[in-house]
Amino acid sequence: MWIEVSKEELQHIIVALQYDATSAPHLYPPLAEKLRELADRLTEALKKGRKP
């Protein structure tokens, strides 16, 4: 499923994911890793101007 978001909204989403990834390791390490991976993929897609 795709949702349309602006670049500004995507940047806010990335920041939220990165924050969650830094606070999640003590709660559930595999989730923290997935959040980091997702934030990285979204950041790369944003830099390249394409959908992840």
Protein backbone atom coordinates (compact mmCIF):
# COMPACT_ATOMS: atom_id res chain seq x y z
CA MET A 1 0.00 0.00 0.00
CA TRP A 2 1.31 3.45 -0.92
CA ILE A 3 0.49 6.74 0.72
CA GLU A 4 1.40 10.13 -0.66
CA VAL A 5 3.49 12.38 1.57
CA SER A 6 5.39 15.57 0.91
CA LYS A 7 9.17 15.76 1.28
CA GLU A 8 8.69 17.76 4.46
CA GLU A 9 6.36 15.12 5.89
CA LEU A 10 8.82 12.39 4.94
CA GLN A 11 11.62 14.22 6.72
CA HIS A 12 9.49 14.35 9.88
CA ILE A 13 8.74 10.63 9.55
CA ILE A 14 12.46 9.85 9.21
CA VAL A 15 13.30 11.88 12.32
CA ALA A 16 10.58 10.07 14.28
CA LEU A 17 11.86 6.67 13.12
CA GLN A 18 15.43 7.58 14.06
CA TYR A 19 14.24 8.72 17.50
CA ASP A 20 12.29 5.50 17.99
CA ALA A 21 15.29 3.46 16.86
CA THR A 22 17.50 5.09 19.48
CA SER A 23 14.98 4.60 22.28
CA ALA A 24 13.84 1.08 21.32
CA PRO A 25 17.02 -1.02 21.82
CA HIS A 26 16.39 -1.56 25.52
CA LEU A 27 12.77 -2.46 24.74
CA TYR A 28 13.14 -4.74 21.74
CA PRO A 29 16.48 -4.78 19.83
CA PRO A 30 15.16 -6.36 16.57
CA LEU A 31 12.57 -3.59 16.28
CA ALA A 32 15.23 -0.92 16.75
CA GLU A 33 17.27 -2.43 13.91
CA LYS A 34 14.25 -2.51 11.58
CA LEU A 35 13.41 1.12 12.41
CA ARG A 36 17.00 2.15 11.66
CA GLU A 37 16.92 0.25 8.37
CA LEU A 38 13.62 1.85 7.38
CA ALA A 39 14.89 5.34 8.25
CA ASP A 40 18.03 4.73 6.17
CA ARG A 41 16.02 3.50 3.17
CA LEU A 42 13.66 6.47 3.35
CA THR A 43 16.59 8.88 3.63
CA GLU A 44 18.24 7.39 0.54
CA ALA A 45 14.98 7.50 -1.41
CA LEU A 46 14.48 11.13 -0.42
CA LYS A 47 18.01 12.01 -1.57
CA LYS A 48 17.42 10.28 -4.91
CA GLY A 49 13.93 11.72 -5.27
CA ARG A 50 12.19 8.37 -5.74
CA LYS A 51 9.85 6.05 -3.90
CA PRO A 52 11.58 3.61 -1.51
